[in-house]
Amino acid sequence: MLSIQSFTFNPFQENTYILFDESKDCVIIDPGCYTAQERTELISFIENNGLNPLKLLNTHCHIDHVLGNSFISDKYKLELEINQLDLPTLIATTVYGPTMGIFMDKSPEPTAFLEEGDVVKFGNTALDVLFTPGHSPGSICFYDKETQTVIAGDVLFQGSIGRTDLPGGNFDTLINSIRQKLFTLDDRVKVYPGHGPPTGIGFEKKHNPFLT
């Protein structure tokens, strides 16, 4: 059964996730580790739990979610997987990063693109890929049917939604993604967002001011 470990990294307080199961195979989603201490924290969890990293995944490619891409790719010899529409978003990070005082190693470009309906498999786990644009052009979520959990990136937060004022963002597109892709899931589904605490589909249907 799927287990989820979260870390809060970098000045943007971004949530990085390690997903693993009883096989000890794991995937790393949105590695935001920026400092040496953050990198050590991530590696220590993997090593202390005997995990075997198999995939490097980005829900989307804003800078706070990709700061550790190069490090993780080099450390575990992993190739990056994203949605193709977020490739320009990824490439732009090294251009605008320094203007924000953030200097990062250039992320590797993806070798595989994830689309709606794809399934990411590792160990005994299968994650459905949901295409959920709006926060960025190529935002995707990862849904595990067995445990009724979804890694939502910056699409849906507890009581809020992802910002849409960045290049490629669109409010109406984001709301449509949430209603058609996330709110069609069971109310019991637990949501792990890109920032802040976990929430639930049922709770957000009732209480999210952007969607009620």
N, C-alpha and C. Protein backbone atom coordinates (compact mmCIF):
# COMPACT_ATOMS: atom_id res chain seq x y z
N MET A 1 0.84 -1.21 0.00
CA MET A 1 0.00 0.00 0.00
C MET A 1 0.87 1.25 0.00
N LEU A 2 0.39 2.28 -0.65
CA LEU A 2 1.16 3.50 -0.81
C LEU A 2 1.37 4.23 0.51
N SER A 3 2.60 4.70 0.72
CA SER A 3 2.93 5.59 1.83
C SER A 3 3.44 6.90 1.24
N ILE A 4 3.17 7.99 1.94
CA ILE A 4 3.56 9.31 1.46
C ILE A 4 4.34 10.04 2.54
N GLN A 5 5.51 10.53 2.18
CA GLN A 5 6.32 11.34 3.08
C GLN A 5 6.49 12.72 2.46
N SER A 6 6.17 13.74 3.23
CA SER A 6 6.28 15.11 2.72
C SER A 6 7.41 15.86 3.42
N PHE A 7 7.98 16.81 2.69
CA PHE A 7 9.01 17.70 3.20
C PHE A 7 8.65 19.12 2.77
N THR A 8 8.91 20.09 3.61
CA THR A 8 8.67 21.48 3.24
C THR A 8 10.02 22.16 3.04
N PHE A 9 10.27 22.60 1.81
CA PHE A 9 11.59 23.08 1.43
C PHE A 9 11.54 24.48 0.81
N ASN A 10 12.69 25.09 0.79
CA ASN A 10 13.06 26.33 0.11
C ASN A 10 12.27 27.55 0.60
N PRO A 11 12.65 28.75 0.18
CA PRO A 11 12.00 29.97 0.69
C PRO A 11 10.51 30.06 0.40
N PHE A 12 10.03 29.26 -0.57
CA PHE A 12 8.63 29.30 -0.93
C PHE A 12 7.78 28.32 -0.11
N GLN A 13 8.43 27.59 0.81
CA GLN A 13 7.71 26.61 1.64
C GLN A 13 6.94 25.62 0.77
N GLU A 14 7.65 25.04 -0.17
CA GLU A 14 7.07 24.09 -1.13
C GLU A 14 7.08 22.68 -0.55
N ASN A 15 6.04 21.91 -0.87
CA ASN A 15 5.96 20.52 -0.42
C ASN A 15 6.57 19.58 -1.45
N THR A 16 7.59 18.88 -1.03
CA THR A 16 8.20 17.81 -1.81
C THR A 16 7.66 16.49 -1.28
N TYR A 17 7.41 15.53 -2.18
CA TYR A 17 6.84 14.25 -1.75
C TYR A 17 7.68 13.07 -2.22
N ILE A 18 7.82 12.12 -1.32
CA ILE A 18 8.34 10.79 -1.67
C ILE A 18 7.19 9.81 -1.50
N LEU A 19 6.87 9.08 -2.55
CA LEU A 19 5.84 8.06 -2.52
C LEU A 19 6.51 6.70 -2.62
N PHE A 20 6.12 5.78 -1.73
CA PHE A 20 6.72 4.45 -1.73
C PHE A 20 5.73 3.43 -1.21
N ASP A 21 6.02 2.16 -1.43
CA ASP A 21 5.17 1.09 -0.91
C ASP A 21 6.03 -0.01 -0.32
N GLU A 22 5.40 -1.15 -0.03
CA GLU A 22 6.11 -2.24 0.65
C GLU A 22 7.25 -2.81 -0.17
N SER A 23 7.28 -2.54 -1.45
CA SER A 23 8.38 -3.01 -2.30
C SER A 23 9.67 -2.24 -2.05
N LYS A 24 9.55 -1.06 -1.42
CA LYS A 24 10.64 -0.12 -1.17
C LYS A 24 11.02 0.69 -2.41
N ASP A 25 10.38 0.44 -3.55
CA ASP A 25 10.55 1.33 -4.69
C ASP A 25 9.84 2.65 -4.39
N CYS A 26 10.36 3.74 -4.93
CA CYS A 26 9.74 5.03 -4.65
C CYS A 26 9.87 5.97 -5.84
N VAL A 27 9.04 7.01 -5.82
CA VAL A 27 9.16 8.11 -6.77
C VAL A 27 9.30 9.40 -5.97
N ILE A 28 9.99 10.36 -6.56
CA ILE A 28 10.20 11.66 -5.93
C ILE A 28 9.45 12.69 -6.77
N ILE A 29 8.53 13.41 -6.13
CA ILE A 29 7.69 14.36 -6.84
C ILE A 29 8.00 15.79 -6.37
N ASP A 30 8.32 16.65 -7.31
CA ASP A 30 8.57 18.07 -7.06
C ASP A 30 9.67 18.31 -6.03
N PRO A 31 10.88 17.83 -6.30
CA PRO A 31 11.95 18.06 -5.33
C PRO A 31 12.33 19.53 -5.25
N GLY A 32 11.93 20.16 -4.17
CA GLY A 32 12.23 21.58 -3.99
C GLY A 32 13.44 21.83 -3.13
N CYS A 33 14.19 20.79 -2.80
CA CYS A 33 15.35 20.93 -1.91
C CYS A 33 16.36 21.90 -2.53
N TYR A 34 16.72 22.93 -1.77
CA TYR A 34 17.55 24.02 -2.28
C TYR A 34 18.87 24.11 -1.54
N THR A 35 18.84 23.96 -0.22
CA THR A 35 20.06 24.07 0.57
C THR A 35 20.67 22.69 0.79
N ALA A 36 21.93 22.69 1.23
CA ALA A 36 22.60 21.43 1.53
C ALA A 36 21.86 20.68 2.63
N GLN A 37 21.35 21.41 3.62
CA GLN A 37 20.61 20.77 4.70
C GLN A 37 19.35 20.09 4.19
N GLU A 38 18.64 20.74 3.27
CA GLU A 38 17.42 20.16 2.71
C GLU A 38 17.74 18.92 1.88
N ARG A 39 18.80 18.98 1.12
CA ARG A 39 19.20 17.82 0.33
C ARG A 39 19.56 16.64 1.23
N THR A 40 20.26 16.93 2.32
CA THR A 40 20.63 15.88 3.26
C THR A 40 19.39 15.27 3.91
N GLU A 41 18.42 16.10 4.25
CA GLU A 41 17.19 15.60 4.85
C GLU A 41 16.47 14.62 3.93
N LEU A 42 16.41 14.97 2.65
CA LEU A 42 15.73 14.11 1.68
C LEU A 42 16.48 12.79 1.51
N ILE A 43 17.77 12.87 1.33
CA ILE A 43 18.59 11.67 1.13
C ILE A 43 18.55 10.77 2.36
N SER A 44 18.61 11.38 3.53
CA SER A 44 18.61 10.60 4.77
C SER A 44 17.33 9.79 4.90
N PHE A 45 16.20 10.37 4.54
CA PHE A 45 14.95 9.62 4.62
C PHE A 45 14.99 8.43 3.67
N ILE A 46 15.46 8.65 2.46
CA ILE A 46 15.54 7.56 1.48
C ILE A 46 16.47 6.45 1.97
N GLU A 47 17.63 6.82 2.46
CA GLU A 47 18.60 5.83 2.91
C GLU A 47 18.16 5.12 4.18
N ASN A 48 17.63 5.87 5.13
CA ASN A 48 17.22 5.27 6.41
C ASN A 48 16.06 4.30 6.25
N ASN A 49 15.28 4.47 5.19
CA ASN A 49 14.14 3.58 4.94
C ASN A 49 14.41 2.56 3.85
N GLY A 50 15.65 2.53 3.37
CA GLY A 50 16.03 1.53 2.38
C GLY A 50 15.27 1.64 1.07
N LEU A 51 14.96 2.87 0.66
CA LEU A 51 14.14 3.07 -0.54
C LEU A 51 14.99 3.07 -1.81
N ASN A 52 14.33 2.72 -2.89
CA ASN A 52 14.96 2.64 -4.20
C ASN A 52 14.28 3.62 -5.15
N PRO A 53 14.84 4.81 -5.34
CA PRO A 53 14.21 5.80 -6.22
C PRO A 53 14.20 5.36 -7.67
N LEU A 54 13.01 5.39 -8.28
CA LEU A 54 12.86 4.93 -9.66
C LEU A 54 12.46 6.04 -10.61
N LYS A 55 11.78 7.07 -10.09
CA LYS A 55 11.27 8.11 -10.99
C LYS A 55 11.37 9.49 -10.36
N LEU A 56 11.61 10.48 -11.22
CA LEU A 56 11.61 11.88 -10.85
C LEU A 56 10.47 12.56 -11.62
N LEU A 57 9.49 13.07 -10.89
CA LEU A 57 8.28 13.61 -11.49
C LEU A 57 8.04 15.05 -11.04
N ASN A 58 7.55 15.88 -11.93
CA ASN A 58 7.11 17.24 -11.58
C ASN A 58 5.62 17.38 -11.88
N THR A 59 4.87 17.88 -10.89
CA THR A 59 3.47 18.21 -11.17
C THR A 59 3.39 19.40 -12.12
N HIS A 60 4.32 20.33 -11.96
CA HIS A 60 4.47 21.47 -12.85
C HIS A 60 5.87 22.02 -12.62
N CYS A 61 6.25 23.05 -13.37
CA CYS A 61 7.68 23.40 -13.39
C CYS A 61 7.99 24.82 -12.97
N HIS A 62 7.19 25.40 -12.07
CA HIS A 62 7.60 26.65 -11.46
C HIS A 62 8.83 26.41 -10.59
N ILE A 63 9.61 27.44 -10.38
CA ILE A 63 10.95 27.28 -9.83
C ILE A 63 10.96 26.59 -8.46
N ASP A 64 9.96 26.87 -7.62
CA ASP A 64 9.97 26.29 -6.28
C ASP A 64 9.79 24.78 -6.28
N HIS A 65 9.27 24.23 -7.37
CA HIS A 65 9.03 22.79 -7.45
C HIS A 65 10.13 22.03 -8.18
N VAL A 66 11.11 22.76 -8.72
CA VAL A 66 12.15 22.09 -9.52
C VAL A 66 13.55 22.39 -9.04
N LEU A 67 13.70 23.08 -7.92
CA LEU A 67 15.02 23.47 -7.45
C LEU A 67 15.94 22.27 -7.22
N GLY A 68 15.37 21.13 -6.89
CA GLY A 68 16.18 19.94 -6.64
C GLY A 68 16.23 18.97 -7.80
N ASN A 69 15.67 19.33 -8.94
CA ASN A 69 15.63 18.40 -10.08
C ASN A 69 17.02 17.91 -10.47
N SER A 70 17.94 18.85 -10.65
CA SER A 70 19.29 18.49 -11.09
C SER A 70 19.98 17.60 -10.06
N PHE A 71 19.85 17.96 -8.79
CA PHE A 71 20.49 17.18 -7.72
C PHE A 71 19.95 15.76 -7.67
N ILE A 72 18.63 15.61 -7.69
CA ILE A 72 18.03 14.28 -7.61
C ILE A 72 18.36 13.46 -8.86
N SER A 73 18.31 14.10 -10.01
CA SER A 73 18.62 13.40 -11.26
C SER A 73 20.05 12.87 -11.25
N ASP A 74 20.98 13.70 -10.79
CA ASP A 74 22.39 13.28 -10.74
C ASP A 74 22.62 12.22 -9.66
N LYS A 75 22.01 12.42 -8.51
CA LYS A 75 22.24 11.52 -7.37
C LYS A 75 21.75 10.11 -7.66
N TYR A 76 20.58 9.98 -8.27
CA TYR A 76 19.96 8.66 -8.45
C TYR A 76 19.85 8.24 -9.92
N LYS A 77 20.49 9.01 -10.80
CA LYS A 77 20.50 8.68 -12.24
C LYS A 77 19.07 8.52 -12.77
N LEU A 78 18.23 9.51 -12.46
CA LEU A 78 16.83 9.48 -12.86
C LEU A 78 16.58 10.49 -13.98
N GLU A 79 15.71 10.12 -14.89
CA GLU A 79 15.30 11.03 -15.95
C GLU A 79 13.99 11.71 -15.56
N LEU A 80 13.87 12.96 -15.95
CA LEU A 80 12.72 13.77 -15.55
C LEU A 80 11.50 13.47 -16.42
N GLU A 81 10.32 13.45 -15.77
CA GLU A 81 9.05 13.26 -16.47
C GLU A 81 8.09 14.39 -16.08
N ILE A 82 7.56 15.09 -17.09
CA ILE A 82 6.61 16.18 -16.88
C ILE A 82 5.57 16.13 -18.00
N ASN A 83 4.61 17.05 -17.95
CA ASN A 83 3.73 17.24 -19.11
C ASN A 83 4.43 18.18 -20.09
N GLN A 84 4.31 17.88 -21.35
CA GLN A 84 5.05 18.61 -22.38
C GLN A 84 4.75 20.11 -22.39
N LEU A 85 3.52 20.48 -22.06
CA LEU A 85 3.16 21.89 -22.10
C LEU A 85 3.87 22.72 -21.04
N ASP A 86 4.48 22.08 -20.07
CA ASP A 86 5.22 22.83 -19.05
C ASP A 86 6.72 22.91 -19.34
N LEU A 87 7.15 22.44 -20.49
CA LEU A 87 8.57 22.54 -20.83
C LEU A 87 9.05 23.99 -20.90
N PRO A 88 8.31 24.91 -21.54
CA PRO A 88 8.75 26.31 -21.50
C PRO A 88 8.82 26.88 -20.09
N THR A 89 7.92 26.44 -19.22
CA THR A 89 7.93 26.87 -17.82
C THR A 89 9.21 26.42 -17.14
N LEU A 90 9.63 25.20 -17.43
CA LEU A 90 10.86 24.67 -16.87
C LEU A 90 12.08 25.42 -17.37
N ILE A 91 12.14 25.65 -18.66
CA ILE A 91 13.30 26.31 -19.26
C ILE A 91 13.45 27.73 -18.73
N ALA A 92 12.33 28.39 -18.42
CA ALA A 92 12.37 29.78 -17.97
C ALA A 92 12.95 29.95 -16.57
N THR A 93 13.03 28.89 -15.78
CA THR A 93 13.42 29.04 -14.38
C THR A 93 14.82 29.61 -14.21
N THR A 94 15.75 29.22 -15.07
CA THR A 94 17.12 29.71 -14.92
C THR A 94 17.25 31.17 -15.38
N VAL A 95 16.23 31.65 -16.09
CA VAL A 95 16.23 33.05 -16.53
C VAL A 95 15.73 33.97 -15.42
N TYR A 96 14.59 33.61 -14.82
CA TYR A 96 14.02 34.52 -13.82
C TYR A 96 14.50 34.23 -12.40
N GLY A 97 15.10 33.04 -12.17
CA GLY A 97 15.59 32.72 -10.83
C GLY A 97 16.53 33.76 -10.25
N PRO A 98 17.57 34.13 -10.97
CA PRO A 98 18.51 35.12 -10.43
C PRO A 98 17.88 36.46 -10.11
N THR A 99 16.82 36.84 -10.80
CA THR A 99 16.15 38.11 -10.51
C THR A 99 15.44 38.05 -9.16
N MET A 100 15.23 36.83 -8.66
CA MET A 100 14.60 36.63 -7.35
C MET A 100 15.63 36.27 -6.29
N GLY A 101 16.91 36.32 -6.67
CA GLY A 101 17.97 35.94 -5.75
C GLY A 101 18.14 34.45 -5.58
N ILE A 102 17.61 33.69 -6.52
CA ILE A 102 17.69 32.23 -6.45
C ILE A 102 18.57 31.73 -7.58
N PHE A 103 19.65 31.06 -7.21
CA PHE A 103 20.59 30.53 -8.19
C PHE A 103 20.56 29.01 -8.09
N MET A 104 20.25 28.37 -9.18
CA MET A 104 20.03 26.93 -9.18
C MET A 104 20.80 26.27 -10.31
N ASP A 105 21.11 25.00 -10.12
CA ASP A 105 21.65 24.22 -11.21
C ASP A 105 20.54 24.00 -12.23
N LYS A 106 20.88 24.10 -13.49
CA LYS A 106 19.89 23.93 -14.54
C LYS A 106 19.25 22.55 -14.45
N SER A 107 17.94 22.51 -14.46
CA SER A 107 17.23 21.23 -14.42
C SER A 107 17.48 20.46 -15.71
N PRO A 108 17.60 19.15 -15.62
CA PRO A 108 17.64 18.36 -16.85
C PRO A 108 16.32 18.50 -17.59
N GLU A 109 16.36 18.47 -18.89
CA GLU A 109 15.13 18.48 -19.65
C GLU A 109 14.52 17.08 -19.60
N PRO A 110 13.21 16.98 -19.70
CA PRO A 110 12.55 15.67 -19.60
C PRO A 110 12.87 14.76 -20.76
N THR A 111 12.85 13.49 -20.49
CA THR A 111 13.03 12.48 -21.54
C THR A 111 11.72 11.75 -21.81
N ALA A 112 10.71 12.03 -21.00
CA ALA A 112 9.40 11.43 -21.19
C ALA A 112 8.34 12.45 -20.79
N PHE A 113 7.23 12.44 -21.50
CA PHE A 113 6.14 13.36 -21.22
C PHE A 113 4.91 12.59 -20.76
N LEU A 114 4.26 13.12 -19.73
CA LEU A 114 3.11 12.48 -19.12
C LEU A 114 1.83 13.17 -19.57
N GLU A 115 0.85 12.39 -19.97
CA GLU A 115 -0.41 12.91 -20.48
C GLU A 115 -1.59 12.35 -19.68
N GLU A 116 -2.73 12.98 -19.82
CA GLU A 116 -3.96 12.47 -19.23
C GLU A 116 -4.17 11.01 -19.61
N GLY A 117 -4.45 10.18 -18.62
CA GLY A 117 -4.68 8.76 -18.88
C GLY A 117 -3.46 7.89 -18.74
N ASP A 118 -2.27 8.49 -18.70
CA ASP A 118 -1.07 7.69 -18.47
C ASP A 118 -1.09 7.13 -17.05
N VAL A 119 -0.35 6.07 -16.83
CA VAL A 119 -0.24 5.46 -15.51
C VAL A 119 1.24 5.36 -15.15
N VAL A 120 1.60 5.93 -14.02
CA VAL A 120 2.97 5.85 -13.51
C VAL A 120 3.06 4.67 -12.57
N LYS A 121 3.88 3.68 -12.92
CA LYS A 121 3.96 2.46 -12.13
C LYS A 121 5.33 2.35 -11.44
N PHE A 122 5.28 1.94 -10.18
CA PHE A 122 6.50 1.62 -9.44
C PHE A 122 6.12 0.66 -8.32
N GLY A 123 6.99 -0.31 -8.07
CA GLY A 123 6.66 -1.29 -7.04
C GLY A 123 5.30 -1.91 -7.30
N ASN A 124 4.43 -1.86 -6.29
CA ASN A 124 3.07 -2.38 -6.42
C ASN A 124 2.03 -1.27 -6.59
N THR A 125 2.50 -0.10 -6.99
CA THR A 125 1.64 1.09 -7.05
C THR A 125 1.45 1.55 -8.48
N ALA A 126 0.26 2.06 -8.77
CA ALA A 126 -0.05 2.64 -10.07
C ALA A 126 -0.73 3.98 -9.85
N LEU A 127 -0.14 5.05 -10.35
CA LEU A 127 -0.68 6.40 -10.22
C LEU A 127 -1.29 6.85 -11.54
N ASP A 128 -2.54 7.23 -11.52
CA ASP A 128 -3.17 7.78 -12.71
C ASP A 128 -2.76 9.24 -12.88
N VAL A 129 -2.43 9.62 -14.10
CA VAL A 129 -2.07 11.01 -14.40
C VAL A 129 -3.33 11.77 -14.81
N LEU A 130 -3.59 12.89 -14.12
CA LEU A 130 -4.72 13.76 -14.43
C LEU A 130 -4.17 15.08 -14.97
N PHE A 131 -4.64 15.49 -16.13
CA PHE A 131 -4.20 16.74 -16.73
C PHE A 131 -5.05 17.87 -16.17
N THR A 132 -4.42 18.80 -15.44
CA THR A 132 -5.15 19.83 -14.69
C THR A 132 -4.54 21.21 -14.91
N PRO A 133 -4.56 21.73 -16.12
CA PRO A 133 -3.94 23.02 -16.40
C PRO A 133 -4.70 24.17 -15.75
N GLY A 134 -4.06 25.33 -15.74
CA GLY A 134 -4.68 26.54 -15.20
C GLY A 134 -3.71 27.31 -14.34
N HIS A 135 -3.07 26.64 -13.40
CA HIS A 135 -2.00 27.26 -12.63
C HIS A 135 -0.78 27.43 -13.52
N SER A 136 -0.51 26.42 -14.32
CA SER A 136 0.49 26.47 -15.38
C SER A 136 -0.10 25.70 -16.57
N PRO A 137 0.46 25.87 -17.75
CA PRO A 137 -0.13 25.21 -18.93
C PRO A 137 -0.13 23.70 -18.86
N GLY A 138 0.86 23.12 -18.17
CA GLY A 138 0.98 21.67 -18.16
C GLY A 138 0.90 21.05 -16.79
N SER A 139 0.15 21.65 -15.89
CA SER A 139 0.00 21.08 -14.54
C SER A 139 -0.68 19.72 -14.60
N ILE A 140 -0.16 18.78 -13.84
CA ILE A 140 -0.76 17.45 -13.73
C ILE A 140 -0.84 17.05 -12.26
N CYS A 141 -1.74 16.12 -11.97
CA CYS A 141 -1.88 15.53 -10.64
C CYS A 141 -1.67 14.03 -10.74
N PHE A 142 -1.31 13.42 -9.62
CA PHE A 142 -1.10 11.98 -9.57
C PHE A 142 -2.07 11.37 -8.56
N TYR A 143 -2.92 10.44 -9.05
CA TYR A 143 -4.02 9.90 -8.25
C TYR A 143 -3.83 8.41 -8.02
N ASP A 144 -3.85 8.01 -6.75
CA ASP A 144 -3.76 6.60 -6.39
C ASP A 144 -5.15 6.10 -5.97
N LYS A 145 -5.73 5.26 -6.80
CA LYS A 145 -7.08 4.77 -6.53
C LYS A 145 -7.14 3.92 -5.27
N GLU A 146 -6.10 3.13 -5.03
CA GLU A 146 -6.14 2.19 -3.91
C GLU A 146 -6.26 2.91 -2.57
N THR A 147 -5.46 3.95 -2.37
CA THR A 147 -5.49 4.66 -1.09
C THR A 147 -6.33 5.93 -1.15
N GLN A 148 -6.91 6.23 -2.32
CA GLN A 148 -7.76 7.41 -2.47
C GLN A 148 -7.00 8.68 -2.07
N THR A 149 -5.86 8.86 -2.70
CA THR A 149 -5.05 10.04 -2.46
C THR A 149 -4.64 10.66 -3.79
N VAL A 150 -4.44 11.97 -3.78
CA VAL A 150 -4.00 12.66 -4.98
C VAL A 150 -2.91 13.67 -4.62
N ILE A 151 -1.82 13.65 -5.38
CA ILE A 151 -0.77 14.66 -5.26
C ILE A 151 -1.14 15.76 -6.25
N ALA A 152 -1.51 16.93 -5.73
CA ALA A 152 -2.22 17.93 -6.54
C ALA A 152 -1.36 19.10 -7.01
N GLY A 153 -0.07 19.13 -6.66
CA GLY A 153 0.72 20.27 -7.07
C GLY A 153 0.09 21.56 -6.57
N ASP A 154 0.10 22.59 -7.42
CA ASP A 154 -0.47 23.88 -7.02
C ASP A 154 -1.85 24.11 -7.64
N VAL A 155 -2.58 23.04 -7.86
CA VAL A 155 -3.92 23.16 -8.43
C VAL A 155 -4.93 23.51 -7.34
N LEU A 156 -4.92 22.74 -6.25
CA LEU A 156 -5.92 22.89 -5.19
C LEU A 156 -5.23 22.87 -3.83
N PHE A 157 -5.55 23.86 -2.99
CA PHE A 157 -5.02 23.95 -1.64
C PHE A 157 -6.16 23.87 -0.62
N GLN A 158 -5.79 23.77 0.64
CA GLN A 158 -6.80 23.83 1.69
C GLN A 158 -7.39 25.24 1.70
N GLY A 159 -8.64 25.34 1.29
CA GLY A 159 -9.33 26.62 1.29
C GLY A 159 -8.89 27.59 0.22
N SER A 160 -8.15 27.12 -0.77
CA SER A 160 -7.67 28.03 -1.80
C SER A 160 -7.36 27.26 -3.08
N ILE A 161 -6.86 27.98 -4.07
CA ILE A 161 -6.47 27.39 -5.35
C ILE A 161 -5.14 27.99 -5.77
N GLY A 162 -4.52 27.41 -6.79
CA GLY A 162 -3.27 27.94 -7.29
C GLY A 162 -3.44 29.32 -7.91
N ARG A 163 -2.41 30.13 -7.82
CA ARG A 163 -2.46 31.45 -8.44
C ARG A 163 -2.46 31.31 -9.96
N THR A 164 -3.06 32.27 -10.62
CA THR A 164 -3.18 32.20 -12.07
C THR A 164 -2.63 33.46 -12.75
N ASP A 165 -1.86 34.27 -12.00
CA ASP A 165 -1.33 35.51 -12.55
C ASP A 165 0.08 35.36 -13.09
N LEU A 166 0.61 34.14 -13.09
CA LEU A 166 1.93 33.89 -13.67
C LEU A 166 1.78 33.54 -15.15
N PRO A 167 2.85 33.66 -15.93
CA PRO A 167 2.75 33.34 -17.37
C PRO A 167 2.17 31.95 -17.60
N GLY A 168 1.16 31.88 -18.46
CA GLY A 168 0.52 30.61 -18.76
C GLY A 168 -0.62 30.24 -17.85
N GLY A 169 -0.85 31.05 -16.81
CA GLY A 169 -1.96 30.77 -15.90
C GLY A 169 -3.28 31.29 -16.45
N ASN A 170 -4.37 30.63 -16.06
CA ASN A 170 -5.70 31.05 -16.49
C ASN A 170 -6.72 30.62 -15.45
N PHE A 171 -7.41 31.58 -14.87
CA PHE A 171 -8.34 31.28 -13.79
C PHE A 171 -9.46 30.34 -14.22
N ASP A 172 -10.11 30.65 -15.32
CA ASP A 172 -11.24 29.82 -15.76
C ASP A 172 -10.79 28.39 -16.07
N THR A 173 -9.60 28.26 -16.67
CA THR A 173 -9.07 26.94 -16.97
C THR A 173 -8.80 26.16 -15.70
N LEU A 174 -8.25 26.83 -14.68
CA LEU A 174 -7.96 26.17 -13.41
C LEU A 174 -9.23 25.70 -12.73
N ILE A 175 -10.24 26.56 -12.66
CA ILE A 175 -11.50 26.17 -12.02
C ILE A 175 -12.11 24.98 -12.75
N ASN A 176 -12.06 25.01 -14.07
CA ASN A 176 -12.59 23.91 -14.86
C ASN A 176 -11.83 22.61 -14.57
N SER A 177 -10.50 22.70 -14.44
CA SER A 177 -9.69 21.52 -14.12
C SER A 177 -10.10 20.92 -12.79
N ILE A 178 -10.27 21.79 -11.79
CA ILE A 178 -10.64 21.30 -10.46
C ILE A 178 -12.01 20.63 -10.49
N ARG A 179 -12.96 21.27 -11.14
CA ARG A 179 -14.32 20.73 -11.15
C ARG A 179 -14.42 19.44 -11.96
N GLN A 180 -13.71 19.36 -13.07
CA GLN A 180 -13.85 18.21 -13.95
C GLN A 180 -12.92 17.05 -13.59
N LYS A 181 -11.76 17.34 -13.01
CA LYS A 181 -10.79 16.28 -12.76
C LYS A 181 -10.66 15.90 -11.28
N LEU A 182 -10.78 16.88 -10.38
CA LEU A 182 -10.61 16.58 -8.96
C LEU A 182 -11.95 16.42 -8.25
N PHE A 183 -12.91 17.28 -8.53
CA PHE A 183 -14.20 17.20 -7.83
C PHE A 183 -15.06 16.05 -8.34
N THR A 184 -14.62 15.37 -9.39
CA THR A 184 -15.32 14.15 -9.82
C THR A 184 -14.79 12.92 -9.07
N LEU A 185 -13.72 13.09 -8.29
CA LEU A 185 -13.23 12.01 -7.45
C LEU A 185 -14.12 11.89 -6.21
N ASP A 186 -13.98 10.77 -5.52
CA ASP A 186 -14.76 10.54 -4.31
C ASP A 186 -14.47 11.61 -3.26
N ASP A 187 -15.50 11.97 -2.50
CA ASP A 187 -15.34 12.97 -1.45
C ASP A 187 -14.30 12.57 -0.41
N ARG A 188 -14.03 11.28 -0.29
CA ARG A 188 -13.08 10.79 0.71
C ARG A 188 -11.63 10.94 0.27
N VAL A 189 -11.39 11.32 -0.96
CA VAL A 189 -10.02 11.42 -1.46
C VAL A 189 -9.26 12.50 -0.70
N LYS A 190 -8.06 12.13 -0.24
CA LYS A 190 -7.18 13.06 0.47
C LYS A 190 -6.29 13.76 -0.54
N VAL A 191 -6.15 15.07 -0.39
CA VAL A 191 -5.39 15.88 -1.32
C VAL A 191 -4.09 16.36 -0.67
N TYR A 192 -2.97 16.06 -1.32
CA TYR A 192 -1.67 16.54 -0.87
C TYR A 192 -1.22 17.66 -1.81
N PRO A 193 -1.28 18.90 -1.36
CA PRO A 193 -1.00 20.04 -2.25
C PRO A 193 0.47 20.40 -2.28
N GLY A 194 0.79 21.33 -3.18
CA GLY A 194 2.17 21.77 -3.34
C GLY A 194 2.63 22.73 -2.26
N HIS A 195 1.68 23.27 -1.49
CA HIS A 195 1.99 24.15 -0.36
C HIS A 195 0.92 23.93 0.70
N GLY A 196 1.30 24.02 1.95
CA GLY A 196 0.32 23.93 3.02
C GLY A 196 -0.06 22.51 3.37
N PRO A 197 -1.03 22.35 4.29
CA PRO A 197 -1.41 21.04 4.81
C PRO A 197 -2.30 20.27 3.85
N PRO A 198 -2.40 18.96 4.05
CA PRO A 198 -3.33 18.16 3.26
C PRO A 198 -4.77 18.60 3.50
N THR A 199 -5.62 18.26 2.54
CA THR A 199 -7.04 18.56 2.67
C THR A 199 -7.82 17.41 2.04
N GLY A 200 -9.11 17.59 1.80
CA GLY A 200 -9.92 16.52 1.23
C GLY A 200 -10.86 17.06 0.18
N ILE A 201 -11.21 16.23 -0.77
CA ILE A 201 -12.11 16.64 -1.83
C ILE A 201 -13.47 17.07 -1.26
N GLY A 202 -14.03 16.28 -0.38
CA GLY A 202 -15.33 16.62 0.21
C GLY A 202 -15.29 17.95 0.95
N PHE A 203 -14.22 18.16 1.72
CA PHE A 203 -14.08 19.41 2.47
C PHE A 203 -14.02 20.61 1.52
N GLU A 204 -13.23 20.49 0.45
CA GLU A 204 -13.08 21.62 -0.47
C GLU A 204 -14.37 21.90 -1.23
N LYS A 205 -15.13 20.87 -1.55
CA LYS A 205 -16.43 21.10 -2.21
C LYS A 205 -17.34 21.96 -1.35
N LYS A 206 -17.28 21.78 -0.03
CA LYS A 206 -18.18 22.47 0.87
C LYS A 206 -17.66 23.83 1.31
N HIS A 207 -16.31 23.96 1.41
CA HIS A 207 -15.77 25.12 2.11
C HIS A 207 -14.83 26.00 1.29
N ASN A 208 -14.36 25.54 0.14
CA ASN A 208 -13.40 26.36 -0.61
C ASN A 208 -14.13 27.57 -1.22
N PRO A 209 -13.74 28.79 -0.84
CA PRO A 209 -14.49 29.97 -1.30
C PRO A 209 -14.39 30.21 -2.80
N PHE A 210 -13.42 29.64 -3.47
CA PHE A 210 -13.30 29.80 -4.91
C PHE A 210 -14.20 28.83 -5.67
N LEU A 211 -14.77 27.85 -4.97
CA LEU A 211 -15.45 26.76 -5.66
C LEU A 211 -16.85 26.46 -5.13
N THR A 212 -17.23 27.09 -4.03
CA THR A 212 -18.57 26.83 -3.49
C THR A 212 -19.61 27.71 -4.17
